[in-house]
Amino acid sequence: PLAQKFGVREEPSRLRHQSRSLFTHMIGVKPYEDTLPQGTHQNPSPWSEGTLHHLFEGGWMWVIPFDNHPLSTSPLCSVGINLDPRIHPVPEGLSPEEEFRAFIARFPDIAPQFEGAVATRDWVRTGRLQYSSKQTVGYRWCLTSHAAGFVDALFSRG
C-alpha cells in the first residue's frame, strides 16, 4: 500500500476508537424474524431482507445474508462481531469460532439465529482495526478513503 511505501502510516494510530473483529461466511443462518415470537417487532419488511446490526456494550455485530433476494444464487451469509478489546479482550484458549459462539450465547435474542449454522471458510480474528495516516497527499499521489485511514466498519461504505 502507498501509505506504507511512503512511510505515512501512523503507528500507533491517533484514532481513539479501538475495535477488533471476528468474522466469516456461514450457511444455515436462520432469518432473524423466524427466531422471534410472532409480532415482536412491527417491521414493514423482514429483517432478513437487509443487513442486520446488533449493538451491545463494547461492540456490535453484523449479519448480511447474500440470499435475501428472489434472484440470489448464493446461500452464504456474512457474519461478524466488532469488539472493543479494552472491554472484550481475546479470551485465552478459544478459537475465533469458539469465541463467537460463547459471545453470542450471552444474548438469547441473537443465539438462536446461529443454531445449526456452519462456517464455509476459516474464521478470521483481527487485531486492532483502526489505522490513520500522518499525510494523505504528496507529489503525484493521494490517499483516499480507506487507503488514508479506517475507524470501524459500522461507518464504512461497504
N, C-alpha and C. Protein backbone atom coordinates (compact mmCIF):
# COMPACT_ATOMS: atom_id res chain seq x y z
N PRO A 1 0.82 -1.21 0.00
CA PRO A 1 0.00 0.00 0.00
C PRO A 1 0.86 1.27 0.00
N LEU A 2 0.33 2.30 -0.62
CA LEU A 2 1.06 3.57 -0.71
C LEU A 2 1.44 4.13 0.65
N ALA A 3 0.53 4.03 1.63
CA ALA A 3 0.81 4.60 2.95
C ALA A 3 2.07 3.98 3.55
N GLN A 4 2.26 2.70 3.37
CA GLN A 4 3.47 2.06 3.86
C GLN A 4 4.67 2.41 2.99
N LYS A 5 4.48 2.42 1.68
CA LYS A 5 5.58 2.75 0.76
C LYS A 5 6.17 4.11 1.06
N PHE A 6 5.30 5.10 1.36
CA PHE A 6 5.78 6.45 1.63
C PHE A 6 5.99 6.72 3.12
N GLY A 7 5.81 5.72 3.95
CA GLY A 7 6.06 5.86 5.39
C GLY A 7 5.14 6.84 6.09
N VAL A 8 3.88 6.92 5.67
CA VAL A 8 2.96 7.88 6.28
C VAL A 8 1.93 7.23 7.21
N ARG A 9 1.97 5.92 7.38
CA ARG A 9 1.04 5.26 8.29
C ARG A 9 1.45 5.59 9.72
N GLU A 10 0.51 6.04 10.53
CA GLU A 10 0.79 6.38 11.93
C GLU A 10 0.78 5.11 12.78
N GLU A 11 1.83 4.94 13.56
CA GLU A 11 1.92 3.80 14.47
C GLU A 11 2.31 4.30 15.85
N PRO A 12 1.45 4.16 16.85
CA PRO A 12 0.08 3.66 16.72
C PRO A 12 -0.83 4.73 16.11
N SER A 13 -2.00 4.30 15.70
CA SER A 13 -2.97 5.24 15.14
C SER A 13 -3.38 6.26 16.19
N ARG A 14 -3.59 7.49 15.75
CA ARG A 14 -4.05 8.53 16.68
C ARG A 14 -5.53 8.42 16.98
N LEU A 15 -6.24 7.54 16.26
CA LEU A 15 -7.67 7.39 16.48
C LEU A 15 -7.94 6.81 17.87
N ARG A 16 -8.89 7.41 18.57
CA ARG A 16 -9.19 6.97 19.93
C ARG A 16 -10.01 5.68 19.96
N HIS A 17 -10.84 5.50 18.96
CA HIS A 17 -11.69 4.30 18.92
C HIS A 17 -10.80 3.06 18.78
N GLN A 18 -11.20 1.99 19.44
CA GLN A 18 -10.47 0.73 19.32
C GLN A 18 -11.46 -0.40 19.13
N SER A 19 -11.21 -1.22 18.13
CA SER A 19 -12.02 -2.42 17.95
C SER A 19 -11.20 -3.49 17.26
N ARG A 20 -11.61 -4.71 17.50
CA ARG A 20 -11.05 -5.89 16.83
C ARG A 20 -12.24 -6.63 16.26
N SER A 21 -12.00 -7.62 15.43
CA SER A 21 -13.12 -8.26 14.75
C SER A 21 -12.96 -9.77 14.66
N LEU A 22 -14.10 -10.45 14.62
CA LEU A 22 -14.21 -11.88 14.33
C LEU A 22 -15.21 -11.99 13.19
N PHE A 23 -14.88 -12.73 12.13
CA PHE A 23 -15.85 -12.82 11.04
C PHE A 23 -15.62 -14.03 10.15
N THR A 24 -16.66 -14.38 9.41
CA THR A 24 -16.62 -15.48 8.45
C THR A 24 -17.84 -15.39 7.54
N HIS A 25 -17.98 -16.35 6.65
CA HIS A 25 -19.21 -16.57 5.89
C HIS A 25 -19.80 -17.88 6.39
N MET A 26 -21.12 -17.92 6.50
CA MET A 26 -21.80 -19.10 7.03
C MET A 26 -22.95 -19.51 6.11
N ILE A 27 -23.36 -20.76 6.24
CA ILE A 27 -24.61 -21.23 5.66
C ILE A 27 -25.48 -21.72 6.81
N GLY A 28 -26.78 -21.69 6.59
CA GLY A 28 -27.69 -22.18 7.63
C GLY A 28 -28.05 -21.15 8.68
N VAL A 29 -27.71 -19.88 8.46
CA VAL A 29 -28.11 -18.83 9.40
C VAL A 29 -29.60 -18.59 9.20
N LYS A 30 -30.35 -18.70 10.28
CA LYS A 30 -31.81 -18.55 10.19
C LYS A 30 -32.18 -17.08 10.01
N PRO A 31 -33.25 -16.81 9.28
CA PRO A 31 -33.74 -15.43 9.23
C PRO A 31 -34.09 -14.97 10.65
N TYR A 32 -33.64 -13.79 11.01
CA TYR A 32 -33.84 -13.30 12.37
C TYR A 32 -35.31 -13.31 12.77
N GLU A 33 -36.18 -12.92 11.85
CA GLU A 33 -37.61 -12.85 12.17
C GLU A 33 -38.19 -14.23 12.49
N ASP A 34 -37.54 -15.31 12.03
CA ASP A 34 -38.02 -16.66 12.33
C ASP A 34 -37.62 -17.13 13.72
N THR A 35 -36.74 -16.39 14.39
CA THR A 35 -36.27 -16.79 15.72
C THR A 35 -36.96 -16.03 16.84
N LEU A 36 -37.84 -15.11 16.50
CA LEU A 36 -38.53 -14.28 17.49
C LEU A 36 -40.00 -14.66 17.56
N PRO A 37 -40.63 -14.43 18.71
CA PRO A 37 -42.08 -14.64 18.76
C PRO A 37 -42.79 -13.74 17.75
N GLN A 38 -43.82 -14.28 17.13
CA GLN A 38 -44.60 -13.53 16.13
C GLN A 38 -45.02 -12.17 16.69
N GLY A 39 -44.82 -11.11 15.92
CA GLY A 39 -45.26 -9.78 16.33
C GLY A 39 -44.32 -9.06 17.28
N THR A 40 -43.12 -9.62 17.54
CA THR A 40 -42.17 -8.96 18.44
C THR A 40 -41.82 -7.57 17.95
N HIS A 41 -41.55 -7.46 16.68
CA HIS A 41 -41.24 -6.17 16.06
C HIS A 41 -42.23 -5.95 14.92
N GLN A 42 -42.66 -4.76 14.76
CA GLN A 42 -43.63 -4.45 13.70
C GLN A 42 -42.91 -3.85 12.49
N ASN A 43 -41.98 -4.59 11.93
CA ASN A 43 -41.22 -4.11 10.78
C ASN A 43 -42.07 -4.12 9.52
N PRO A 44 -41.85 -3.16 8.63
CA PRO A 44 -42.58 -3.16 7.36
C PRO A 44 -42.07 -4.24 6.39
N SER A 45 -40.87 -4.76 6.64
CA SER A 45 -40.31 -5.84 5.82
C SER A 45 -39.51 -6.76 6.73
N PRO A 46 -39.24 -7.98 6.31
CA PRO A 46 -38.48 -8.92 7.14
C PRO A 46 -37.05 -8.42 7.40
N TRP A 47 -36.56 -8.70 8.61
CA TRP A 47 -35.18 -8.34 8.97
C TRP A 47 -34.19 -8.92 7.97
N SER A 48 -34.46 -10.13 7.50
CA SER A 48 -33.51 -10.84 6.65
C SER A 48 -33.43 -10.29 5.23
N GLU A 49 -34.24 -9.30 4.90
CA GLU A 49 -34.15 -8.70 3.57
C GLU A 49 -33.10 -7.59 3.50
N GLY A 50 -32.39 -7.39 4.56
CA GLY A 50 -31.35 -6.37 4.58
C GLY A 50 -30.23 -6.77 5.53
N THR A 51 -29.32 -5.85 5.76
CA THR A 51 -28.24 -6.08 6.71
C THR A 51 -28.77 -5.84 8.11
N LEU A 52 -28.48 -6.77 9.01
CA LEU A 52 -28.94 -6.69 10.39
C LEU A 52 -27.75 -6.35 11.28
N HIS A 53 -27.92 -5.35 12.13
CA HIS A 53 -26.89 -4.97 13.09
C HIS A 53 -27.44 -5.12 14.50
N HIS A 54 -26.66 -5.71 15.38
CA HIS A 54 -26.99 -5.77 16.80
C HIS A 54 -25.94 -4.92 17.52
N LEU A 55 -26.38 -4.04 18.39
CA LEU A 55 -25.48 -3.19 19.17
C LEU A 55 -25.51 -3.64 20.62
N PHE A 56 -24.35 -3.65 21.26
CA PHE A 56 -24.27 -4.04 22.66
C PHE A 56 -23.09 -3.31 23.29
N GLU A 57 -23.00 -3.37 24.60
CA GLU A 57 -21.93 -2.68 25.31
C GLU A 57 -20.58 -3.18 24.80
N GLY A 58 -19.79 -2.26 24.28
CA GLY A 58 -18.45 -2.59 23.83
C GLY A 58 -18.36 -3.21 22.45
N GLY A 59 -19.41 -3.07 21.63
CA GLY A 59 -19.28 -3.61 20.29
C GLY A 59 -20.59 -3.68 19.53
N TRP A 60 -20.50 -4.36 18.41
CA TRP A 60 -21.66 -4.53 17.53
C TRP A 60 -21.43 -5.76 16.66
N MET A 61 -22.52 -6.21 16.06
CA MET A 61 -22.47 -7.42 15.24
C MET A 61 -23.20 -7.17 13.93
N TRP A 62 -22.75 -7.82 12.86
CA TRP A 62 -23.46 -7.72 11.59
C TRP A 62 -23.86 -9.11 11.10
N VAL A 63 -24.98 -9.15 10.39
CA VAL A 63 -25.47 -10.34 9.72
C VAL A 63 -25.93 -9.86 8.34
N ILE A 64 -25.21 -10.28 7.30
CA ILE A 64 -25.51 -9.83 5.94
C ILE A 64 -25.81 -11.05 5.08
N PRO A 65 -27.09 -11.37 4.91
CA PRO A 65 -27.43 -12.52 4.06
C PRO A 65 -27.24 -12.19 2.59
N PHE A 66 -26.61 -13.11 1.87
CA PHE A 66 -26.42 -12.93 0.43
C PHE A 66 -27.55 -13.59 -0.36
N ASP A 67 -28.47 -14.26 0.35
CA ASP A 67 -29.57 -14.96 -0.31
C ASP A 67 -30.92 -14.31 0.00
N ASN A 68 -30.92 -13.01 0.22
CA ASN A 68 -32.13 -12.32 0.67
C ASN A 68 -32.93 -11.68 -0.47
N HIS A 69 -32.84 -12.27 -1.62
CA HIS A 69 -33.46 -11.70 -2.81
C HIS A 69 -33.93 -12.87 -3.68
N PRO A 70 -35.08 -12.75 -4.32
CA PRO A 70 -35.60 -13.87 -5.13
C PRO A 70 -34.63 -14.36 -6.21
N LEU A 71 -33.76 -13.51 -6.72
CA LEU A 71 -32.82 -13.91 -7.77
C LEU A 71 -31.43 -14.24 -7.23
N SER A 72 -31.29 -14.30 -5.91
CA SER A 72 -29.98 -14.61 -5.31
C SER A 72 -29.56 -16.02 -5.67
N THR A 73 -28.26 -16.18 -5.84
CA THR A 73 -27.73 -17.51 -6.15
C THR A 73 -26.76 -18.00 -5.08
N SER A 74 -26.46 -17.19 -4.08
CA SER A 74 -25.52 -17.57 -3.03
C SER A 74 -26.26 -17.86 -1.73
N PRO A 75 -25.97 -19.00 -1.12
CA PRO A 75 -26.59 -19.32 0.18
C PRO A 75 -25.81 -18.74 1.36
N LEU A 76 -24.75 -17.99 1.08
CA LEU A 76 -23.86 -17.51 2.14
C LEU A 76 -24.44 -16.33 2.91
N CYS A 77 -23.91 -16.17 4.12
CA CYS A 77 -24.26 -15.05 4.98
C CYS A 77 -22.97 -14.56 5.63
N SER A 78 -22.67 -13.28 5.50
CA SER A 78 -21.51 -12.70 6.16
C SER A 78 -21.89 -12.41 7.61
N VAL A 79 -21.07 -12.89 8.53
CA VAL A 79 -21.35 -12.76 9.95
C VAL A 79 -20.09 -12.27 10.65
N GLY A 80 -20.23 -11.30 11.53
CA GLY A 80 -19.06 -10.84 12.26
C GLY A 80 -19.41 -10.01 13.48
N ILE A 81 -18.42 -9.89 14.33
CA ILE A 81 -18.56 -9.10 15.55
C ILE A 81 -17.35 -8.17 15.64
N ASN A 82 -17.60 -6.91 15.94
CA ASN A 82 -16.54 -5.96 16.26
C ASN A 82 -16.61 -5.70 17.76
N LEU A 83 -15.48 -5.84 18.43
CA LEU A 83 -15.42 -5.71 19.88
C LEU A 83 -14.34 -4.74 20.31
N ASP A 84 -14.63 -3.97 21.34
CA ASP A 84 -13.61 -3.11 21.95
C ASP A 84 -12.73 -4.02 22.80
N PRO A 85 -11.44 -4.15 22.47
CA PRO A 85 -10.57 -5.08 23.20
C PRO A 85 -10.33 -4.68 24.65
N ARG A 86 -10.61 -3.42 25.00
CA ARG A 86 -10.47 -2.99 26.39
C ARG A 86 -11.62 -3.53 27.23
N ILE A 87 -12.75 -3.78 26.60
CA ILE A 87 -13.92 -4.33 27.30
C ILE A 87 -14.02 -5.83 27.08
N HIS A 88 -13.70 -6.26 25.87
CA HIS A 88 -13.79 -7.68 25.48
C HIS A 88 -12.43 -8.15 24.96
N PRO A 89 -11.47 -8.40 25.87
CA PRO A 89 -10.17 -8.89 25.40
C PRO A 89 -10.30 -10.30 24.80
N VAL A 90 -9.33 -10.67 23.98
CA VAL A 90 -9.34 -12.00 23.38
C VAL A 90 -9.23 -13.04 24.50
N PRO A 91 -10.19 -13.96 24.59
CA PRO A 91 -10.12 -14.98 25.63
C PRO A 91 -9.03 -16.01 25.30
N GLU A 92 -8.28 -16.37 26.31
CA GLU A 92 -7.20 -17.34 26.09
C GLU A 92 -7.78 -18.72 25.82
N GLY A 93 -7.16 -19.42 24.89
CA GLY A 93 -7.51 -20.80 24.64
C GLY A 93 -8.73 -21.05 23.77
N LEU A 94 -9.37 -19.98 23.28
CA LEU A 94 -10.54 -20.16 22.43
C LEU A 94 -10.20 -19.82 20.98
N SER A 95 -10.67 -20.65 20.07
CA SER A 95 -10.54 -20.33 18.65
C SER A 95 -11.49 -19.17 18.35
N PRO A 96 -11.33 -18.51 17.19
CA PRO A 96 -12.28 -17.45 16.85
C PRO A 96 -13.73 -17.93 16.84
N GLU A 97 -13.98 -19.12 16.30
CA GLU A 97 -15.36 -19.62 16.28
C GLU A 97 -15.86 -19.89 17.69
N GLU A 98 -15.03 -20.46 18.54
CA GLU A 98 -15.44 -20.70 19.93
C GLU A 98 -15.73 -19.39 20.65
N GLU A 99 -14.91 -18.38 20.39
CA GLU A 99 -15.16 -17.07 20.98
C GLU A 99 -16.50 -16.51 20.50
N PHE A 100 -16.77 -16.60 19.19
CA PHE A 100 -18.03 -16.13 18.63
C PHE A 100 -19.20 -16.84 19.29
N ARG A 101 -19.16 -18.15 19.34
CA ARG A 101 -20.27 -18.93 19.92
C ARG A 101 -20.47 -18.59 21.40
N ALA A 102 -19.39 -18.48 22.14
CA ALA A 102 -19.50 -18.13 23.57
C ALA A 102 -20.07 -16.73 23.74
N PHE A 103 -19.65 -15.82 22.87
CA PHE A 103 -20.12 -14.44 22.99
C PHE A 103 -21.61 -14.34 22.70
N ILE A 104 -22.07 -14.91 21.59
CA ILE A 104 -23.50 -14.77 21.24
C ILE A 104 -24.39 -15.56 22.19
N ALA A 105 -23.85 -16.56 22.87
CA ALA A 105 -24.65 -17.34 23.83
C ALA A 105 -25.18 -16.44 24.95
N ARG A 106 -24.54 -15.30 25.17
CA ARG A 106 -24.98 -14.36 26.21
C ARG A 106 -26.24 -13.59 25.81
N PHE A 107 -26.62 -13.70 24.54
CA PHE A 107 -27.74 -12.91 24.02
C PHE A 107 -28.85 -13.85 23.52
N PRO A 108 -29.88 -14.07 24.34
CA PRO A 108 -30.93 -15.01 23.94
C PRO A 108 -31.74 -14.59 22.72
N ASP A 109 -31.67 -13.33 22.32
CA ASP A 109 -32.36 -12.91 21.10
C ASP A 109 -31.48 -13.09 19.86
N ILE A 110 -30.20 -13.33 20.05
CA ILE A 110 -29.27 -13.47 18.93
C ILE A 110 -28.89 -14.93 18.68
N ALA A 111 -28.54 -15.65 19.74
CA ALA A 111 -28.01 -17.01 19.61
C ALA A 111 -28.86 -17.95 18.77
N PRO A 112 -30.20 -17.95 18.89
CA PRO A 112 -30.99 -18.91 18.09
C PRO A 112 -30.82 -18.76 16.58
N GLN A 113 -30.47 -17.59 16.12
CA GLN A 113 -30.29 -17.38 14.68
C GLN A 113 -29.14 -18.23 14.13
N PHE A 114 -28.20 -18.61 15.00
CA PHE A 114 -26.99 -19.31 14.56
C PHE A 114 -26.97 -20.79 14.94
N GLU A 115 -28.06 -21.28 15.53
CA GLU A 115 -28.13 -22.71 15.85
C GLU A 115 -28.11 -23.49 14.54
N GLY A 116 -27.16 -24.37 14.40
CA GLY A 116 -27.03 -25.18 13.19
C GLY A 116 -26.28 -24.50 12.05
N ALA A 117 -25.94 -23.23 12.19
CA ALA A 117 -25.18 -22.53 11.14
C ALA A 117 -23.74 -23.02 11.13
N VAL A 118 -23.17 -23.10 9.93
CA VAL A 118 -21.82 -23.64 9.75
C VAL A 118 -20.98 -22.67 8.93
N ALA A 119 -19.75 -22.46 9.37
CA ALA A 119 -18.82 -21.60 8.62
C ALA A 119 -18.40 -22.31 7.34
N THR A 120 -18.31 -21.54 6.26
CA THR A 120 -17.88 -22.10 4.97
C THR A 120 -16.44 -21.73 4.65
N ARG A 121 -15.84 -20.94 5.48
CA ARG A 121 -14.43 -20.57 5.34
C ARG A 121 -13.87 -20.42 6.74
N ASP A 122 -12.57 -20.33 6.86
CA ASP A 122 -11.97 -20.17 8.18
C ASP A 122 -12.43 -18.87 8.83
N TRP A 123 -12.58 -18.92 10.14
CA TRP A 123 -12.88 -17.71 10.89
C TRP A 123 -11.64 -16.83 10.90
N VAL A 124 -11.86 -15.52 10.91
CA VAL A 124 -10.77 -14.55 10.99
C VAL A 124 -10.91 -13.80 12.30
N ARG A 125 -9.81 -13.65 13.02
CA ARG A 125 -9.76 -12.82 14.22
C ARG A 125 -8.67 -11.78 13.97
N THR A 126 -9.04 -10.52 14.04
CA THR A 126 -8.07 -9.46 13.77
C THR A 126 -7.53 -8.87 15.07
N GLY A 127 -6.48 -8.11 14.92
CA GLY A 127 -6.04 -7.21 15.97
C GLY A 127 -6.80 -5.91 15.82
N ARG A 128 -6.23 -4.85 16.32
CA ARG A 128 -6.90 -3.56 16.23
C ARG A 128 -7.12 -3.18 14.76
N LEU A 129 -8.32 -2.73 14.45
CA LEU A 129 -8.69 -2.40 13.08
C LEU A 129 -8.33 -0.98 12.67
N GLN A 130 -8.20 -0.07 13.63
CA GLN A 130 -8.04 1.34 13.30
C GLN A 130 -6.63 1.63 12.78
N TYR A 131 -6.59 2.47 11.76
CA TYR A 131 -5.31 2.98 11.26
C TYR A 131 -5.53 4.37 10.71
N SER A 132 -4.45 5.12 10.66
CA SER A 132 -4.52 6.51 10.18
C SER A 132 -3.20 6.86 9.52
N SER A 133 -3.20 7.96 8.80
CA SER A 133 -2.00 8.42 8.09
C SER A 133 -1.68 9.84 8.51
N LYS A 134 -0.39 10.13 8.64
CA LYS A 134 0.02 11.49 9.02
C LYS A 134 0.04 12.43 7.83
N GLN A 135 -0.06 11.87 6.62
CA GLN A 135 -0.08 12.67 5.40
C GLN A 135 -0.92 11.91 4.38
N THR A 136 -1.73 12.62 3.60
CA THR A 136 -2.59 11.95 2.62
C THR A 136 -2.36 12.41 1.18
N VAL A 137 -1.56 13.46 0.99
CA VAL A 137 -1.29 13.98 -0.35
C VAL A 137 0.20 14.25 -0.49
N GLY A 138 0.76 13.88 -1.62
CA GLY A 138 2.16 14.15 -1.92
C GLY A 138 2.33 14.34 -3.41
N TYR A 139 3.57 14.46 -3.84
CA TYR A 139 3.85 14.67 -5.25
C TYR A 139 3.40 13.45 -6.05
N ARG A 140 2.35 13.61 -6.87
CA ARG A 140 1.80 12.59 -7.75
C ARG A 140 1.16 11.40 -7.04
N TRP A 141 0.73 11.60 -5.79
CA TRP A 141 -0.02 10.55 -5.11
C TRP A 141 -1.01 11.17 -4.13
N CYS A 142 -2.05 10.40 -3.83
CA CYS A 142 -3.09 10.84 -2.90
C CYS A 142 -3.74 9.61 -2.27
N LEU A 143 -3.87 9.61 -0.97
CA LEU A 143 -4.57 8.54 -0.27
C LEU A 143 -6.02 8.97 -0.07
N THR A 144 -6.95 8.16 -0.51
CA THR A 144 -8.36 8.47 -0.32
C THR A 144 -9.03 7.36 0.47
N SER A 145 -10.14 7.69 1.06
CA SER A 145 -11.00 6.73 1.76
C SER A 145 -10.18 5.80 2.67
N HIS A 146 -10.35 4.50 2.52
CA HIS A 146 -9.71 3.55 3.43
C HIS A 146 -8.22 3.40 3.20
N ALA A 147 -7.69 3.96 2.14
CA ALA A 147 -6.23 3.98 1.98
C ALA A 147 -5.61 4.96 2.97
N ALA A 148 -6.36 6.00 3.34
CA ALA A 148 -5.87 7.02 4.27
C ALA A 148 -6.06 6.62 5.72
N GLY A 149 -7.18 6.01 6.04
CA GLY A 149 -7.45 5.63 7.42
C GLY A 149 -8.75 4.86 7.52
N PHE A 150 -8.95 4.27 8.69
CA PHE A 150 -10.14 3.45 8.91
C PHE A 150 -10.50 3.51 10.38
N VAL A 151 -11.79 3.75 10.65
CA VAL A 151 -12.26 3.81 12.04
C VAL A 151 -12.95 2.50 12.41
N ASP A 152 -14.05 2.18 11.75
CA ASP A 152 -14.82 1.00 12.09
C ASP A 152 -15.74 0.67 10.92
N ALA A 153 -15.96 -0.59 10.67
CA ALA A 153 -16.81 -0.99 9.54
C ALA A 153 -18.25 -0.49 9.67
N LEU A 154 -18.69 -0.17 10.88
CA LEU A 154 -20.04 0.36 11.05
C LEU A 154 -20.20 1.66 10.27
N PHE A 155 -19.09 2.38 10.10
CA PHE A 155 -19.11 3.65 9.38
C PHE A 155 -18.57 3.51 7.95
N SER A 156 -18.41 2.28 7.51
CA SER A 156 -17.84 2.00 6.19
C SER A 156 -18.90 2.12 5.10
N ARG A 157 -18.44 2.39 3.90
CA ARG A 157 -19.34 2.41 2.74
C ARG A 157 -19.56 1.01 2.19
N GLY A 158 -18.92 0.03 2.76
CA GLY A 158 -19.14 -1.34 2.28
C GLY A 158 -17.88 -2.03 1.91
